[in-house]
Protein backbone atom coordinates (compact mmCIF):
# COMPACT_ATOMS: atom_id res chain seq x y z
CA GLN A 1 -6.96 -119.62 191.89
CA ALA A 2 -6.26 -116.86 194.36
CA GLN A 3 -9.33 -114.99 195.58
CA LEU A 4 -9.51 -111.98 197.86
CA VAL A 5 -12.64 -110.44 199.31
CA GLU A 6 -12.67 -107.18 201.18
CA SER A 7 -15.28 -106.13 203.77
CA GLY A 8 -15.85 -103.57 206.48
CA GLY A 9 -16.15 -100.40 204.50
CA GLY A 10 -18.76 -97.74 205.20
CA LEU A 11 -19.45 -94.15 206.18
CA VAL A 12 -17.49 -92.72 209.10
CA GLN A 13 -17.08 -89.26 210.50
CA PRO A 14 -13.73 -87.49 210.51
CA GLY A 15 -11.64 -88.72 213.40
CA GLY A 16 -13.44 -92.05 213.47
CA SER A 17 -12.17 -95.58 212.92
CA LEU A 18 -12.90 -98.46 210.62
CA ARG A 19 -11.49 -101.97 210.37
CA LEU A 20 -11.31 -103.62 206.97
CA SER A 21 -10.88 -107.30 206.43
CA CYS A 22 -9.47 -109.20 203.48
CA ALA A 23 -10.46 -112.85 203.31
CA VAL A 24 -8.22 -114.91 201.08
CA SER A 25 -8.55 -118.36 199.54
CA GLY A 26 -6.88 -120.39 196.86
CA PHE A 27 -3.40 -119.99 198.32
CA LYS A 28 -1.58 -120.38 201.62
CA LEU A 29 -1.70 -116.94 203.18
CA GLU A 30 1.17 -117.67 205.53
CA TYR A 31 3.70 -117.66 202.68
CA PHE A 32 2.74 -114.44 201.00
CA ALA A 33 2.57 -110.70 201.40
CA ILE A 34 -0.70 -108.84 201.12
CA GLY A 35 -0.87 -105.21 200.04
CA TRP A 36 -3.55 -102.62 200.73
CA PHE A 37 -4.29 -100.16 197.95
CA ARG A 38 -6.89 -97.43 197.54
CA GLN A 39 -8.42 -95.40 194.73
CA ALA A 40 -10.04 -92.10 195.45
CA PRO A 41 -12.57 -90.61 193.03
CA GLY A 42 -10.82 -89.21 190.00
CA LYS A 43 -7.42 -90.39 191.13
CA GLU A 44 -5.10 -93.27 190.33
CA ARG A 45 -4.90 -96.36 192.50
CA GLU A 46 -2.10 -96.09 195.03
CA GLY A 47 -0.39 -98.34 197.50
CA VAL A 48 -1.18 -97.76 201.18
CA LEU A 49 0.74 -100.37 203.14
CA CYS A 50 1.64 -104.01 203.02
CA ILE A 51 2.30 -106.89 205.43
CA ASN A 52 4.79 -109.56 204.48
CA SER A 53 4.85 -113.28 205.32
CA ALA A 54 6.97 -112.52 208.43
CA ASP A 55 4.30 -110.18 209.71
CA ARG A 56 6.32 -107.06 209.02
CA SER A 57 4.53 -103.99 207.74
CA THR A 58 5.76 -101.63 205.06
CA TYR A 59 4.13 -98.25 204.63
CA TYR A 60 3.77 -96.95 201.10
CA LEU A 61 2.05 -93.70 202.15
CA ASP A 62 3.52 -91.39 204.72
CA SER A 63 0.10 -89.85 205.30
CA VAL A 64 -1.23 -92.99 207.01
CA LYS A 65 1.70 -93.64 209.31
CA GLY A 66 0.61 -93.48 212.90
CA ARG A 67 -3.05 -93.97 211.87
CA PHE A 68 -3.27 -97.19 209.87
CA THR A 69 -1.99 -100.61 210.82
CA THR A 70 -2.35 -103.97 209.25
CA SER A 71 -2.27 -107.48 210.71
CA ARG A 72 -2.79 -111.03 209.59
CA ASP A 73 -4.36 -114.19 210.88
CA ASN A 74 -3.03 -117.09 208.93
CA TYR A 75 -5.35 -119.55 210.63
CA LYS A 76 -8.41 -117.57 209.59
CA ASN A 77 -6.91 -116.68 206.23
CA THR A 78 -7.62 -112.99 206.78
CA VAL A 79 -5.67 -109.77 206.75
CA SER A 80 -7.03 -106.71 208.51
CA LEU A 81 -6.53 -102.97 208.03
CA GLN A 82 -7.21 -100.89 211.14
CA MET A 83 -7.78 -97.29 210.22
CA ASN A 84 -7.91 -94.66 212.97
CA SER A 85 -8.15 -90.87 212.97
CA LEU A 86 -9.70 -91.01 209.55
CA LYS A 87 -9.74 -87.88 207.41
CA PRO A 88 -11.89 -86.90 204.45
CA GLU A 89 -8.93 -87.41 202.16
CA ASP A 90 -8.92 -91.07 203.12
CA THR A 91 -12.22 -91.48 201.25
CA ALA A 92 -11.57 -94.14 198.61
CA VAL A 93 -12.28 -97.68 197.50
CA TYR A 94 -9.85 -99.90 199.40
CA TYR A 95 -8.50 -103.08 197.87
CA CYS A 96 -6.30 -105.91 199.07
CA ALA A 97 -4.02 -107.53 196.56
CA THR A 98 -1.13 -109.93 196.22
CA ASP A 99 1.62 -110.72 193.72
CA LEU A 100 2.22 -114.06 195.49
CA VAL A 101 5.64 -113.19 196.83
CA ALA A 102 6.76 -113.28 200.47
CA ASP A 103 7.95 -109.68 200.74
CA CYS A 104 6.48 -106.25 200.27
CA ASP A 105 8.79 -105.24 197.47
CA ASP A 106 6.54 -103.27 195.13
CA ASP A 107 3.94 -100.57 195.74
CA ASP A 108 3.00 -100.49 192.05
CA PRO A 109 -0.61 -101.60 191.63
CA GLY A 110 0.41 -102.87 188.17
CA ALA A 111 2.65 -105.39 189.83
CA MET A 112 -0.14 -107.17 191.67
CA ASP A 113 -1.56 -110.34 190.19
CA ASP A 114 -4.76 -110.83 192.19
CA TRP A 115 -7.23 -108.32 193.56
CA GLY A 116 -10.38 -108.17 195.56
CA LYS A 117 -13.33 -106.15 194.30
CA GLY A 118 -12.75 -103.41 196.89
CA THR A 119 -14.79 -101.85 199.68
CA LEU A 120 -15.77 -98.22 199.82
CA VAL A 121 -14.72 -96.06 202.74
CA THR A 122 -16.32 -92.64 202.96
CA VAL A 123 -15.07 -90.14 205.58
CA SER A 124 -17.56 -87.34 205.90
CA SER A 125 -19.54 -85.42 208.50
């Protein structure tokens, strides 16, 4: 059974950086895409970006381009989300998820099969 566990969230000042990790188990990470999603208070969950099995990133949100990047380490079974120049509007619970396909072909949270429990990122002074 696929399992995903996020870590690395916390409180950061505007302009700061955080690095989130998603540890996966129960499936071979090297064959599958992993998506990052977030849900801000009072808002719907939305896709942020995704990394496919070939290590190519797809951005689902224009607002994070140039600030967020994602990478994968198939040997450590982890995917990372590096977030720079954070803004208060980035405050949200961040999730990693997969629909166990190789490509990033769907930013709809409803299409994902397996989710982590999320990690809270708060951007505030």
